[in-house]
């Protein structure tokens, strides 16, 4: 009985060993090391898995360049310390779904001192985008405004936002200009 069990175990081991010998080792050796997936440039999140072919496809289209200027007219109703700075940032983006993907630009500026309860902050963003259908690609903008000051606690000085205003994903009817070198201007009003 003992010999028959030993023979059964040997037969099972030989069967399992044959599965390993049948593997195509060239496939395993040709695979790259690392985790397959892609990094989303918009949300900065990593998605594991196989990349979508539309993402890895080579972009096509013509390069368009120019400047997008966002002017923020800020009404300041709050009272801030005299050394408070008004900082603003803006972003502009264009998406061509199914073709070239997503293009994003951002910039920041410091507004001049508040005068008569108002200040204006202008942010300029040069762009250079490869687009297939610029006439049908609307520019989406966003802006953030902060009243910034410094606070010192236990000998450590930090910049803090005393007040914040923002507006995200403002869809515009303005498409990407097809004439290179064009300055496209957006003007928004906000209050803090």
C-alpha atoms as a PDB file:
ATOM      1  CA  UNK A   1       0.000   0.000   0.000  1.00  0.00           C
ATOM      2  CA  UNK A   2       2.849   2.320   0.779  1.00  0.00           C
ATOM      3  CA  UNK A   3       4.462   1.829  -2.630  1.00  0.00           C
ATOM      4  CA  UNK A   4       1.207   2.589  -4.454  1.00  0.00           C
ATOM      5  CA  UNK A   5       0.846   5.894  -2.561  1.00  0.00           C
ATOM      6  CA  UNK A   6       4.438   6.774  -3.412  1.00  0.00           C
ATOM      7  CA  UNK A   7       3.847   6.037  -7.113  1.00  0.00           C
ATOM      8  CA  UNK A   8       0.651   8.161  -7.055  1.00  0.00           C
ATOM      9  CA  UNK A   9       2.517  11.118  -5.524  1.00  0.00           C
ATOM     10  CA  UNK A  10       5.303  10.835  -8.122  1.00  0.00           C
ATOM     11  CA  UNK A  11       2.804  10.728 -10.994  1.00  0.00           C
ATOM     12  CA  UNK A  12       1.045  13.845  -9.632  1.00  0.00           C
ATOM     13  CA  UNK A  13       4.348  15.720  -9.282  1.00  0.00           C
ATOM     14  CA  UNK A  14       5.347  14.793 -12.837  1.00  0.00           C
ATOM     15  CA  UNK A  15       1.978  16.075 -14.100  1.00  0.00           C
ATOM     16  CA  UNK A  16       2.414  19.408 -12.293  1.00  0.00           C
ATOM     17  CA  UNK A  17       6.008  19.700 -13.537  1.00  0.00           C
ATOM     18  CA  UNK A  18       4.840  19.293 -17.118  1.00  0.00           C
ATOM     19  CA  UNK A  19       2.551  22.324 -16.719  1.00  0.00           C
ATOM     20  CA  UNK A  20       5.584  24.412 -15.810  1.00  0.00           C
ATOM     21  CA  UNK A  21       7.659  23.042 -18.690  1.00  0.00           C
ATOM     22  CA  UNK A  22       4.910  23.960 -21.162  1.00  0.00           C
ATOM     23  CA  UNK A  23       4.981  27.682 -20.358  1.00  0.00           C
ATOM     24  CA  UNK A  24       6.263  30.041 -23.088  1.00  0.00           C
ATOM     25  CA  UNK A  25       9.191  31.741 -21.340  1.00  0.00           C
ATOM     26  CA  UNK A  26       9.695  34.250 -24.185  1.00  0.00           C
ATOM     27  CA  UNK A  27       6.447  35.989 -23.187  1.00  0.00           C
ATOM     28  CA  UNK A  28       7.531  36.390 -19.576  1.00  0.00           C
ATOM     29  CA  UNK A  29      11.005  37.624 -20.576  1.00  0.00           C
ATOM     30  CA  UNK A  30       9.638  40.234 -23.033  1.00  0.00           C
ATOM     31  CA  UNK A  31       7.356  41.900 -20.505  1.00  0.00           C
ATOM     32  CA  UNK A  32       8.580  45.176 -19.012  1.00  0.00           C
ATOM     33  CA  UNK A  33       9.003  45.477 -15.275  1.00  0.00           C
ATOM     34  CA  UNK A  34       6.660  47.725 -13.349  1.00  0.00           C
ATOM     35  CA  UNK A  35       2.967  48.096 -12.860  1.00  0.00           C
ATOM     36  CA  UNK A  36       0.950  48.543 -16.052  1.00  0.00           C
ATOM     37  CA  UNK A  37      -1.354  51.554 -15.971  1.00  0.00           C
ATOM     38  CA  UNK A  38      -1.426  55.250 -16.679  1.00  0.00           C
ATOM     39  CA  UNK A  39      -1.192  58.546 -14.807  1.00  0.00           C
ATOM     40  CA  UNK A  40      -4.165  60.840 -15.467  1.00  0.00           C
ATOM     41  CA  UNK A  41      -2.682  64.326 -16.115  1.00  0.00           C
ATOM     42  CA  UNK A  42      -5.891  66.051 -15.066  1.00  0.00           C
ATOM     43  CA  UNK A  43      -6.494  64.420 -11.685  1.00  0.00           C
ATOM     44  CA  UNK A  44      -2.907  63.227 -11.081  1.00  0.00           C
ATOM     45  CA  UNK A  45      -4.208  59.758 -10.165  1.00  0.00           C
ATOM     46  CA  UNK A  46      -2.681  56.456 -11.248  1.00  0.00           C
ATOM     47  CA  UNK A  47      -5.000  53.861 -12.750  1.00  0.00           C
ATOM     48  CA  UNK A  48      -3.579  50.370 -12.941  1.00  0.00           C
ATOM     49  CA  UNK A  49      -4.367  48.082 -15.841  1.00  0.00           C
ATOM     50  CA  UNK A  50      -3.862  48.134 -19.575  1.00  0.00           C
ATOM     51  CA  UNK A  51      -3.680  51.558 -21.177  1.00  0.00           C
ATOM     52  CA  UNK A  52      -6.516  52.623 -23.387  1.00  0.00           C
ATOM     53  CA  UNK A  53      -5.352  52.614 -27.028  1.00  0.00           C
ATOM     54  CA  UNK A  54      -6.772  56.120 -27.595  1.00  0.00           C
ATOM     55  CA  UNK A  55      -4.501  57.453 -24.850  1.00  0.00           C
ATOM     56  CA  UNK A  56      -1.352  55.871 -26.267  1.00  0.00           C
ATOM     57  CA  UNK A  57      -2.134  56.798 -29.872  1.00  0.00           C
ATOM     58  CA  UNK A  58       0.084  59.435 -31.404  1.00  0.00           C
ATOM     59  CA  UNK A  59      -1.636  62.827 -31.476  1.00  0.00           C
ATOM     60  CA  UNK A  60      -2.435  64.384 -34.794  1.00  0.00           C
ATOM     61  CA  UNK A  61      -3.383  67.873 -35.798  1.00  0.00           C
ATOM     62  CA  UNK A  62      -1.839  71.281 -36.134  1.00  0.00           C
ATOM     63  CA  UNK A  63       0.007  73.220 -33.444  1.00  0.00           C
ATOM     64  CA  UNK A  64      -1.698  76.408 -32.301  1.00  0.00           C
ATOM     65  CA  UNK A  65      -0.085  78.953 -30.018  1.00  0.00           C
ATOM     66  CA  UNK A  66      -1.028  82.212 -28.412  1.00  0.00           C
ATOM     67  CA  UNK A  67      -1.789  83.715 -25.025  1.00  0.00           C
ATOM     68  CA  UNK A  68      -4.846  83.394 -22.829  1.00  0.00           C
ATOM     69  CA  UNK A  69      -5.292  86.356 -20.490  1.00  0.00           C
ATOM     70  CA  UNK A  70      -7.668  86.215 -17.531  1.00  0.00           C
ATOM     71  CA  UNK A  71      -8.453  89.564 -15.919  1.00  0.00           C
ATOM     72  CA  UNK A  72     -10.077  89.466 -12.500  1.00  0.00           C
ATOM     73  CA  UNK A  73     -11.795  92.586 -11.217  1.00  0.00           C
ATOM     74  CA  UNK A  74     -11.949  92.091  -7.465  1.00  0.00           C
ATOM     75  CA  UNK A  75     -14.271  94.015  -5.179  1.00  0.00           C
ATOM     76  CA  UNK A  76     -12.836  93.932  -1.652  1.00  0.00           C
ATOM     77  CA  UNK A  77     -15.597  94.351   0.943  1.00  0.00           C
ATOM     78  CA  UNK A  78     -13.725  92.630   3.805  1.00  0.00           C
ATOM     79  CA  UNK A  79     -11.296  94.439   6.075  1.00  0.00           C
ATOM     80  CA  UNK A  80      -7.749  93.058   6.014  1.00  0.00           C
ATOM     81  CA  UNK A  81      -4.504  94.106   7.715  1.00  0.00           C
ATOM     82  CA  UNK A  82      -2.538  96.694   5.745  1.00  0.00           C
ATOM     83  CA  UNK A  83       0.198  94.235   4.720  1.00  0.00           C
ATOM     84  CA  UNK A  84      -2.249  91.747   3.138  1.00  0.00           C
ATOM     85  CA  UNK A  85      -1.557  90.774  -0.472  1.00  0.00           C
ATOM     86  CA  UNK A  86      -4.213  89.727  -2.965  1.00  0.00           C
ATOM     87  CA  UNK A  87      -2.975  86.781  -5.022  1.00  0.00           C
ATOM     88  CA  UNK A  88      -4.764  85.254  -7.954  1.00  0.00           C
ATOM     89  CA  UNK A  89      -4.298  82.243 -10.147  1.00  0.00           C
ATOM     90  CA  UNK A  90      -6.066  81.119 -13.276  1.00  0.00           C
ATOM     91  CA  UNK A  91      -6.096  78.096 -15.507  1.00  0.00           C
ATOM     92  CA  UNK A  92      -7.341  77.333 -18.987  1.00  0.00           C
ATOM     93  CA  UNK A  93      -7.890  73.994 -20.614  1.00  0.00           C
ATOM     94  CA  UNK A  94      -9.126  72.385 -23.793  1.00  0.00           C
ATOM     95  CA  UNK A  95     -10.246  68.791 -24.266  1.00  0.00           C
ATOM     96  CA  UNK A  96     -10.383  66.930 -27.547  1.00  0.00           C
ATOM     97  CA  UNK A  97     -12.127  63.723 -26.561  1.00  0.00           C
ATOM     98  CA  UNK A  98     -11.192  60.752 -28.681  1.00  0.00           C
ATOM     99  CA  UNK A  99      -8.335  62.520 -30.470  1.00  0.00           C
ATOM    100  CA  UNK A 100      -5.475  64.428 -28.864  1.00  0.00           C
ATOM    101  CA  UNK A 101      -6.574  64.472 -25.243  1.00  0.00           C
ATOM    102  CA  UNK A 102      -6.384  67.231 -22.685  1.00  0.00           C
ATOM    103  CA  UNK A 103      -4.336  70.445 -22.663  1.00  0.00           C
ATOM    104  CA  UNK A 104      -3.898  72.577 -19.552  1.00  0.00           C
ATOM    105  CA  UNK A 105      -2.158  75.847 -18.710  1.00  0.00           C
ATOM    106  CA  UNK A 106      -2.024  77.791 -15.444  1.00  0.00           C
ATOM    107  CA  UNK A 107      -0.361  80.877 -14.015  1.00  0.00           C
ATOM    108  CA  UNK A 108      -0.508  83.141 -10.972  1.00  0.00           C
ATOM    109  CA  UNK A 109      -0.017  86.813 -10.155  1.00  0.00           C
ATOM    110  CA  UNK A 110      -0.157  89.302  -7.294  1.00  0.00           C
ATOM    111  CA  UNK A 111      -2.694  92.109  -7.625  1.00  0.00           C
ATOM    112  CA  UNK A 112      -1.730  95.729  -7.012  1.00  0.00           C
ATOM    113  CA  UNK A 113      -2.805  97.323  -3.733  1.00  0.00           C
ATOM    114  CA  UNK A 114      -6.525  97.734  -3.110  1.00  0.00           C
ATOM    115  CA  UNK A 115      -7.748 101.224  -3.992  1.00  0.00           C
ATOM    116  CA  UNK A 116     -11.297 102.395  -3.273  1.00  0.00           C
ATOM    117  CA  UNK A 117     -12.304  98.839  -2.430  1.00  0.00           C
ATOM    118  CA  UNK A 118     -11.172  97.382  -5.771  1.00  0.00           C
ATOM    119  CA  UNK A 119      -8.152  95.816  -7.409  1.00  0.00           C
ATOM    120  CA  UNK A 120      -7.468  94.071 -10.681  1.00  0.00           C
ATOM    121  CA  UNK A 121      -5.375  90.970 -11.131  1.00  0.00           C
ATOM    122  CA  UNK A 122      -4.263  89.873 -14.601  1.00  0.00           C
ATOM    123  CA  UNK A 123      -2.881  86.419 -15.354  1.00  0.00           C
ATOM    124  CA  UNK A 124      -1.344  85.592 -18.748  1.00  0.00           C
ATOM    125  CA  UNK A 125      -0.854  82.016 -19.916  1.00  0.00           C
ATOM    126  CA  UNK A 126       1.019  81.266 -23.121  1.00  0.00           C
ATOM    127  CA  UNK A 127      -0.092  78.027 -24.768  1.00  0.00           C
ATOM    128  CA  UNK A 128       1.151  75.668 -27.474  1.00  0.00           C
ATOM    129  CA  UNK A 129      -1.438  72.986 -28.207  1.00  0.00           C
ATOM    130  CA  UNK A 130      -1.701  70.337 -30.909  1.00  0.00           C
ATOM    131  CA  UNK A 131      -5.350  70.262 -31.952  1.00  0.00           C
ATOM    132  CA  UNK A 132      -7.336  68.587 -34.708  1.00  0.00           C
ATOM    133  CA  UNK A 133     -10.531  70.619 -34.335  1.00  0.00           C
ATOM    134  CA  UNK A 134      -9.679  73.991 -32.724  1.00  0.00           C
ATOM    135  CA  UNK A 135     -12.812  75.730 -34.018  1.00  0.00           C
ATOM    136  CA  UNK A 136     -14.992  73.323 -32.034  1.00  0.00           C
ATOM    137  CA  UNK A 137     -12.775  73.166 -28.909  1.00  0.00           C
ATOM    138  CA  UNK A 138     -14.116  75.594 -26.280  1.00  0.00           C
ATOM    139  CA  UNK A 139     -11.682  76.969 -23.724  1.00  0.00           C
ATOM    140  CA  UNK A 140     -12.650  76.253 -20.106  1.00  0.00           C
ATOM    141  CA  UNK A 141     -11.237  78.567 -17.447  1.00  0.00           C
ATOM    142  CA  UNK A 142     -11.007  78.649 -13.657  1.00  0.00           C
ATOM    143  CA  UNK A 143      -9.737  81.198 -11.169  1.00  0.00           C
ATOM    144  CA  UNK A 144      -8.803  81.430  -7.491  1.00  0.00           C
ATOM    145  CA  UNK A 145      -8.259  84.607  -5.444  1.00  0.00           C
ATOM    146  CA  UNK A 146      -6.726  84.703  -1.961  1.00  0.00           C
ATOM    147  CA  UNK A 147      -6.102  87.461   0.563  1.00  0.00           C
ATOM    148  CA  UNK A 148      -2.715  86.359   1.950  1.00  0.00           C
ATOM    149  CA  UNK A 149      -0.899  87.420   5.081  1.00  0.00           C
ATOM    150  CA  UNK A 150       1.732  85.988   7.402  1.00  0.00           C
ATOM    151  CA  UNK A 151       1.171  84.614  10.876  1.00  0.00           C
ATOM    152  CA  UNK A 152       3.940  83.738  13.334  1.00  0.00           C
ATOM    153  CA  UNK A 153       3.255  81.038  15.909  1.00  0.00           C
ATOM    154  CA  UNK A 154       6.007  79.821  18.270  1.00  0.00           C
ATOM    155  CA  UNK A 155       8.681  81.376  16.071  1.00  0.00           C
ATOM    156  CA  UNK A 156       7.399  79.793  12.853  1.00  0.00           C
ATOM    157  CA  UNK A 157       6.065  82.134  10.186  1.00  0.00           C
ATOM    158  CA  UNK A 158       3.494  80.826   7.748  1.00  0.00           C
ATOM    159  CA  UNK A 159       1.474  82.324   4.923  1.00  0.00           C
ATOM    160  CA  UNK A 160      -2.250  81.982   5.500  1.00  0.00           C
ATOM    161  CA  UNK A 161      -5.270  82.761   3.396  1.00  0.00           C
ATOM    162  CA  UNK A 162      -7.529  85.188   5.223  1.00  0.00           C
ATOM    163  CA  UNK A 163     -10.213  84.959   2.565  1.00  0.00           C
ATOM    164  CA  UNK A 164     -10.682  82.883  -0.577  1.00  0.00           C
ATOM    165  CA  UNK A 165     -12.849  83.201  -3.688  1.00  0.00           C
ATOM    166  CA  UNK A 166     -12.919  80.845  -6.638  1.00  0.00           C
ATOM    167  CA  UNK A 167     -14.839  79.750  -9.646  1.00  0.00           C
ATOM    168  CA  UNK A 168     -13.999  76.511 -11.408  1.00  0.00           C
ATOM    169  CA  UNK A 169     -14.762  75.112 -14.834  1.00  0.00           C
ATOM    170  CA  UNK A 170     -16.225  78.188 -16.445  1.00  0.00           C
ATOM    171  CA  UNK A 171     -17.259  76.938 -19.875  1.00  0.00           C
ATOM    172  CA  UNK A 172     -16.768  79.559 -22.510  1.00  0.00           C
ATOM    173  CA  UNK A 173     -18.236  79.868 -25.961  1.00  0.00           C
ATOM    174  CA  UNK A 174     -14.814  81.028 -27.149  1.00  0.00           C
ATOM    175  CA  UNK A 175     -12.938  78.373 -29.101  1.00  0.00           C
ATOM    176  CA  UNK A 176      -9.208  78.132 -29.624  1.00  0.00           C
ATOM    177  CA  UNK A 177      -8.203  80.762 -32.209  1.00  0.00           C
ATOM    178  CA  UNK A 178      -6.911  79.340 -35.487  1.00  0.00           C
ATOM    179  CA  UNK A 179      -4.631  82.349 -36.028  1.00  0.00           C
ATOM    180  CA  UNK A 180      -1.342  81.802 -34.204  1.00  0.00           C
ATOM    181  CA  UNK A 181      -0.178  84.536 -31.839  1.00  0.00           C
ATOM    182  CA  UNK A 182      -3.704  85.597 -30.881  1.00  0.00           C
ATOM    183  CA  UNK A 183      -4.353  86.935 -27.373  1.00  0.00           C
ATOM    184  CA  UNK A 184      -7.663  85.608 -26.031  1.00  0.00           C
ATOM    185  CA  UNK A 185      -9.010  87.605 -23.072  1.00  0.00           C
ATOM    186  CA  UNK A 186     -11.523  86.587 -20.421  1.00  0.00           C
ATOM    187  CA  UNK A 187     -12.752  89.051 -17.761  1.00  0.00           C
ATOM    188  CA  UNK A 188     -14.447  87.958 -14.547  1.00  0.00           C
ATOM    189  CA  UNK A 189     -15.745  89.808 -11.496  1.00  0.00           C
ATOM    190  CA  UNK A 190     -15.511  88.514  -7.947  1.00  0.00           C
ATOM    191  CA  UNK A 191     -15.975  89.811  -4.418  1.00  0.00           C
ATOM    192  CA  UNK A 192     -14.203  89.034  -1.178  1.00  0.00           C
END
